[in-house]
Amino acid sequence: RPAAAAQAAPVPGAAARAAGGAPLRGLEDDEDEPGFFEMRTRRMAAFEREYLAQRLDEHRGDVTSAAREAKIPRGTFYRLMKNHDLKASDYRGGGGGGD
């Protein structure tokens, strides 16, 4: 499994902290870079927003059918839409005619 080992190459500061040691000198200045939890939060939010937007687009703004396909309760789908400032009406193709 050489490929897996290459992917798991440790970051010096992170490895030292994970081993319970102090970070290596010169890495303390990385405070401007987001850490694991911040990056995880950002990526999860991006995933949620993209996933919801795709479902809404596929279902032309029909939240009930989008939630059904996502296999989550409609109320949860609405809550996530609100969290990500998504509006079903933006996906309904409203070109002036009826739905």
N, C-alpha and C. Protein backbone atom coordinates (compact mmCIF):
# COMPACT_ATOMS: atom_id res chain seq x y z
N ARG A 1 0.82 -1.20 0.00
CA ARG A 1 0.00 0.00 0.00
C ARG A 1 0.86 1.26 0.00
N PRO A 2 1.76 1.38 -0.90
CA PRO A 2 2.62 2.57 -0.93
C PRO A 2 1.83 3.84 -1.18
N ALA A 3 0.76 3.79 -1.98
CA ALA A 3 0.00 5.00 -2.28
C ALA A 3 -0.66 5.54 -1.01
N ALA A 4 -1.19 4.67 -0.18
CA ALA A 4 -1.85 5.11 1.06
C ALA A 4 -0.84 5.74 2.00
N ALA A 5 0.35 5.18 2.04
CA ALA A 5 1.38 5.75 2.91
C ALA A 5 1.80 7.12 2.44
N ALA A 6 1.84 7.32 1.13
CA ALA A 6 2.23 8.63 0.60
C ALA A 6 1.18 9.67 0.92
N GLN A 7 -0.09 9.29 0.92
CA GLN A 7 -1.16 10.23 1.21
C GLN A 7 -1.18 10.61 2.68
N ALA A 8 -0.71 9.74 3.54
CA ALA A 8 -0.81 9.97 4.97
C ALA A 8 0.45 10.62 5.55
N ALA A 9 1.25 11.25 4.72
CA ALA A 9 2.47 11.90 5.21
C ALA A 9 2.10 12.96 6.23
N PRO A 10 2.66 12.89 7.43
CA PRO A 10 2.27 13.82 8.49
C PRO A 10 2.82 15.23 8.26
N VAL A 11 2.09 16.18 8.78
CA VAL A 11 2.54 17.57 8.79
C VAL A 11 3.32 17.73 10.08
N PRO A 12 4.55 18.26 10.03
CA PRO A 12 5.39 18.27 11.23
C PRO A 12 4.73 18.86 12.47
N GLY A 13 4.16 20.02 12.38
CA GLY A 13 3.55 20.65 13.56
C GLY A 13 2.37 19.85 14.07
N ALA A 14 1.55 19.37 13.14
CA ALA A 14 0.38 18.60 13.53
C ALA A 14 0.80 17.28 14.16
N ALA A 15 1.83 16.66 13.62
CA ALA A 15 2.29 15.39 14.17
C ALA A 15 2.83 15.59 15.58
N ALA A 16 3.56 16.67 15.79
CA ALA A 16 4.11 16.93 17.13
C ALA A 16 2.98 17.18 18.12
N ARG A 17 1.96 17.94 17.71
CA ARG A 17 0.84 18.22 18.61
C ARG A 17 0.04 16.95 18.87
N ALA A 18 -0.15 16.12 17.84
CA ALA A 18 -0.92 14.89 18.00
C ALA A 18 -0.20 13.93 18.94
N ALA A 19 1.11 13.97 18.93
CA ALA A 19 1.89 13.09 19.79
C ALA A 19 2.00 13.65 21.21
N GLY A 20 1.36 14.78 21.45
CA GLY A 20 1.37 15.36 22.79
C GLY A 20 2.54 16.30 23.02
N GLY A 21 3.33 16.52 22.00
CA GLY A 21 4.48 17.41 22.14
C GLY A 21 4.13 18.83 21.74
N ALA A 22 5.06 19.70 21.90
CA ALA A 22 4.88 21.09 21.51
C ALA A 22 5.06 21.21 20.00
N PRO A 23 4.43 22.17 19.37
CA PRO A 23 4.63 22.37 17.94
C PRO A 23 6.08 22.74 17.65
N LEU A 24 6.52 22.39 16.47
CA LEU A 24 7.89 22.71 16.09
C LEU A 24 8.05 24.22 15.92
N ARG A 25 9.27 24.69 16.14
CA ARG A 25 9.52 26.12 15.99
C ARG A 25 9.21 26.58 14.58
N GLY A 26 8.68 27.79 14.49
CA GLY A 26 8.36 28.37 13.20
C GLY A 26 6.95 28.06 12.73
N LEU A 27 6.29 27.10 13.36
CA LEU A 27 4.93 26.76 12.96
C LEU A 27 3.88 27.47 13.79
N GLU A 28 4.31 28.17 14.83
CA GLU A 28 3.36 28.90 15.67
C GLU A 28 2.71 30.04 14.90
N ASP A 29 3.35 30.51 13.83
CA ASP A 29 2.83 31.64 13.06
C ASP A 29 1.68 31.24 12.14
N ASP A 30 1.30 29.97 12.12
CA ASP A 30 0.24 29.50 11.24
C ASP A 30 -1.15 29.76 11.80
N GLU A 31 -1.25 30.64 12.77
CA GLU A 31 -2.55 30.91 13.40
C GLU A 31 -3.56 31.50 12.41
N ASP A 32 -3.09 32.12 11.31
CA ASP A 32 -4.00 32.68 10.32
C ASP A 32 -4.67 31.60 9.49
N GLU A 33 -4.05 30.44 9.41
CA GLU A 33 -4.62 29.34 8.65
C GLU A 33 -5.65 28.62 9.51
N PRO A 34 -6.77 28.26 8.90
CA PRO A 34 -7.78 27.53 9.68
C PRO A 34 -7.29 26.14 10.03
N GLY A 35 -7.71 25.66 11.17
CA GLY A 35 -7.35 24.33 11.62
C GLY A 35 -8.33 23.29 11.10
N PHE A 36 -8.17 22.09 11.58
CA PHE A 36 -8.99 20.96 11.14
C PHE A 36 -10.48 21.23 11.30
N PHE A 37 -10.88 21.66 12.50
CA PHE A 37 -12.31 21.81 12.76
C PHE A 37 -12.92 22.93 11.94
N GLU A 38 -12.20 24.01 11.75
CA GLU A 38 -12.69 25.11 10.92
C GLU A 38 -12.83 24.66 9.47
N MET A 39 -11.83 23.95 8.96
CA MET A 39 -11.90 23.46 7.58
C MET A 39 -13.03 22.45 7.42
N ARG A 40 -13.21 21.59 8.42
CA ARG A 40 -14.30 20.62 8.35
C ARG A 40 -15.64 21.33 8.30
N THR A 41 -15.80 22.34 9.15
CA THR A 41 -17.05 23.10 9.17
C THR A 41 -17.30 23.77 7.83
N ARG A 42 -16.28 24.37 7.26
CA ARG A 42 -16.42 25.05 5.96
C ARG A 42 -16.79 24.06 4.86
N ARG A 43 -16.13 22.92 4.84
CA ARG A 43 -16.40 21.94 3.78
C ARG A 43 -17.77 21.31 3.92
N MET A 44 -18.18 21.06 5.15
CA MET A 44 -19.52 20.52 5.37
C MET A 44 -20.59 21.52 4.92
N ALA A 45 -20.37 22.79 5.24
CA ALA A 45 -21.31 23.82 4.83
C ALA A 45 -21.37 23.91 3.31
N ALA A 46 -20.22 23.86 2.66
CA ALA A 46 -20.18 23.92 1.20
C ALA A 46 -20.88 22.71 0.60
N PHE A 47 -20.64 21.53 1.19
CA PHE A 47 -21.31 20.32 0.71
C PHE A 47 -22.83 20.44 0.85
N GLU A 48 -23.28 20.85 2.04
CA GLU A 48 -24.72 20.98 2.28
C GLU A 48 -25.36 21.93 1.28
N ARG A 49 -24.75 23.09 1.10
CA ARG A 49 -25.32 24.09 0.19
C ARG A 49 -25.38 23.56 -1.24
N GLU A 50 -24.30 22.95 -1.70
CA GLU A 50 -24.27 22.42 -3.06
C GLU A 50 -25.28 21.29 -3.22
N TYR A 51 -25.36 20.40 -2.24
CA TYR A 51 -26.29 19.27 -2.30
C TYR A 51 -27.74 19.76 -2.36
N LEU A 52 -28.08 20.69 -1.47
CA LEU A 52 -29.44 21.22 -1.46
C LEU A 52 -29.77 21.93 -2.77
N ALA A 53 -28.84 22.73 -3.25
CA ALA A 53 -29.06 23.47 -4.49
C ALA A 53 -29.27 22.52 -5.67
N GLN A 54 -28.50 21.43 -5.70
CA GLN A 54 -28.67 20.45 -6.78
C GLN A 54 -30.04 19.79 -6.70
N ARG A 55 -30.46 19.40 -5.50
CA ARG A 55 -31.77 18.78 -5.36
C ARG A 55 -32.87 19.76 -5.76
N LEU A 56 -32.76 21.00 -5.31
CA LEU A 56 -33.78 22.00 -5.66
C LEU A 56 -33.81 22.24 -7.17
N ASP A 57 -32.66 22.27 -7.79
CA ASP A 57 -32.60 22.47 -9.23
C ASP A 57 -33.22 21.29 -9.97
N GLU A 58 -32.88 20.08 -9.56
CA GLU A 58 -33.43 18.87 -10.19
C GLU A 58 -34.95 18.80 -10.05
N HIS A 59 -35.47 19.31 -8.94
CA HIS A 59 -36.90 19.22 -8.66
C HIS A 59 -37.61 20.54 -8.88
N ARG A 60 -36.94 21.46 -9.57
CA ARG A 60 -37.51 22.77 -9.94
C ARG A 60 -38.14 23.48 -8.75
N GLY A 61 -37.44 23.44 -7.62
CA GLY A 61 -37.90 24.17 -6.45
C GLY A 61 -38.96 23.45 -5.62
N ASP A 62 -39.31 22.23 -5.98
CA ASP A 62 -40.30 21.46 -5.22
C ASP A 62 -39.60 20.85 -4.00
N VAL A 63 -39.77 21.50 -2.86
CA VAL A 63 -39.06 21.10 -1.65
C VAL A 63 -39.48 19.72 -1.19
N THR A 64 -40.74 19.39 -1.30
CA THR A 64 -41.22 18.09 -0.85
C THR A 64 -40.53 16.96 -1.61
N SER A 65 -40.48 17.04 -2.93
CA SER A 65 -39.84 15.97 -3.69
C SER A 65 -38.32 16.00 -3.54
N ALA A 66 -37.72 17.19 -3.39
CA ALA A 66 -36.27 17.29 -3.17
C ALA A 66 -35.90 16.65 -1.84
N ALA A 67 -36.69 16.91 -0.81
CA ALA A 67 -36.43 16.33 0.51
C ALA A 67 -36.62 14.82 0.48
N ARG A 68 -37.62 14.38 -0.25
CA ARG A 68 -37.88 12.94 -0.37
C ARG A 68 -36.68 12.25 -1.02
N GLU A 69 -36.15 12.84 -2.10
CA GLU A 69 -34.98 12.24 -2.75
C GLU A 69 -33.76 12.26 -1.83
N ALA A 70 -33.62 13.33 -1.04
CA ALA A 70 -32.49 13.45 -0.12
C ALA A 70 -32.65 12.53 1.09
N LYS A 71 -33.85 11.99 1.25
CA LYS A 71 -34.15 11.10 2.38
C LYS A 71 -33.99 11.78 3.73
N ILE A 72 -34.45 13.04 3.77
CA ILE A 72 -34.49 13.77 5.03
C ILE A 72 -35.86 14.40 5.18
N PRO A 73 -36.31 14.64 6.41
CA PRO A 73 -37.61 15.26 6.61
C PRO A 73 -37.68 16.64 5.93
N ARG A 74 -38.85 16.96 5.44
CA ARG A 74 -39.04 18.23 4.75
C ARG A 74 -38.68 19.41 5.64
N GLY A 75 -39.03 19.33 6.92
CA GLY A 75 -38.70 20.40 7.85
C GLY A 75 -37.19 20.60 7.99
N THR A 76 -36.47 19.50 7.98
CA THR A 76 -35.01 19.57 8.04
C THR A 76 -34.47 20.21 6.76
N PHE A 77 -35.05 19.84 5.64
CA PHE A 77 -34.63 20.42 4.36
C PHE A 77 -34.85 21.93 4.39
N TYR A 78 -36.02 22.36 4.88
CA TYR A 78 -36.30 23.80 4.98
C TYR A 78 -35.32 24.50 5.93
N ARG A 79 -35.02 23.86 7.06
CA ARG A 79 -34.07 24.45 8.01
C ARG A 79 -32.69 24.63 7.37
N LEU A 80 -32.25 23.59 6.65
CA LEU A 80 -30.96 23.69 5.97
C LEU A 80 -30.99 24.76 4.88
N MET A 81 -32.11 24.85 4.17
CA MET A 81 -32.24 25.91 3.16
C MET A 81 -32.09 27.28 3.81
N LYS A 82 -32.74 27.46 4.95
CA LYS A 82 -32.66 28.74 5.65
C LYS A 82 -31.22 29.00 6.11
N ASN A 83 -30.56 27.97 6.64
CA ASN A 83 -29.17 28.13 7.09
C ASN A 83 -28.25 28.57 5.96
N HIS A 84 -28.55 28.13 4.75
CA HIS A 84 -27.69 28.42 3.60
C HIS A 84 -28.29 29.49 2.69
N ASP A 85 -29.31 30.17 3.17
CA ASP A 85 -29.95 31.27 2.44
C ASP A 85 -30.38 30.85 1.03
N LEU A 86 -31.00 29.67 0.95
CA LEU A 86 -31.52 29.18 -0.32
C LEU A 86 -33.03 29.35 -0.32
N LYS A 87 -33.56 29.76 -1.46
CA LYS A 87 -35.00 29.94 -1.60
C LYS A 87 -35.51 29.07 -2.74
N ALA A 88 -36.56 28.30 -2.46
CA ALA A 88 -37.12 27.40 -3.47
C ALA A 88 -37.56 28.17 -4.70
N SER A 89 -38.06 29.37 -4.51
CA SER A 89 -38.55 30.17 -5.64
C SER A 89 -37.45 30.48 -6.65
N ASP A 90 -36.20 30.49 -6.20
CA ASP A 90 -35.08 30.74 -7.13
C ASP A 90 -34.85 29.59 -8.08
N TYR A 91 -35.47 28.44 -7.80
CA TYR A 91 -35.26 27.25 -8.63
C TYR A 91 -36.52 26.86 -9.39
N ARG A 92 -37.53 27.68 -9.33
CA ARG A 92 -38.79 27.34 -9.97
C ARG A 92 -38.89 27.83 -11.41
N GLY A 93 -37.87 28.47 -11.90
CA GLY A 93 -37.84 28.89 -13.30
C GLY A 93 -38.87 29.94 -13.65
N GLY A 94 -39.38 30.64 -12.68
CA GLY A 94 -40.45 31.63 -12.86
C GLY A 94 -40.18 32.62 -13.98
N GLY A 95 -40.53 32.27 -15.19
CA GLY A 95 -40.36 33.16 -16.32
C GLY A 95 -41.62 33.96 -16.61
N GLY A 96 -42.42 34.19 -15.58
CA GLY A 96 -43.62 34.99 -15.78
C GLY A 96 -44.88 34.15 -15.93
N GLY A 97 -44.73 32.89 -16.34
CA GLY A 97 -45.87 32.00 -16.50
C GLY A 97 -46.19 31.28 -15.22
N GLY A 98 -47.18 30.40 -15.26
CA GLY A 98 -47.52 29.60 -14.08
C GLY A 98 -46.51 28.49 -13.89
N ASP A 99 -46.54 27.85 -12.71
CA ASP A 99 -45.59 26.77 -12.41
C ASP A 99 -45.97 25.52 -13.15
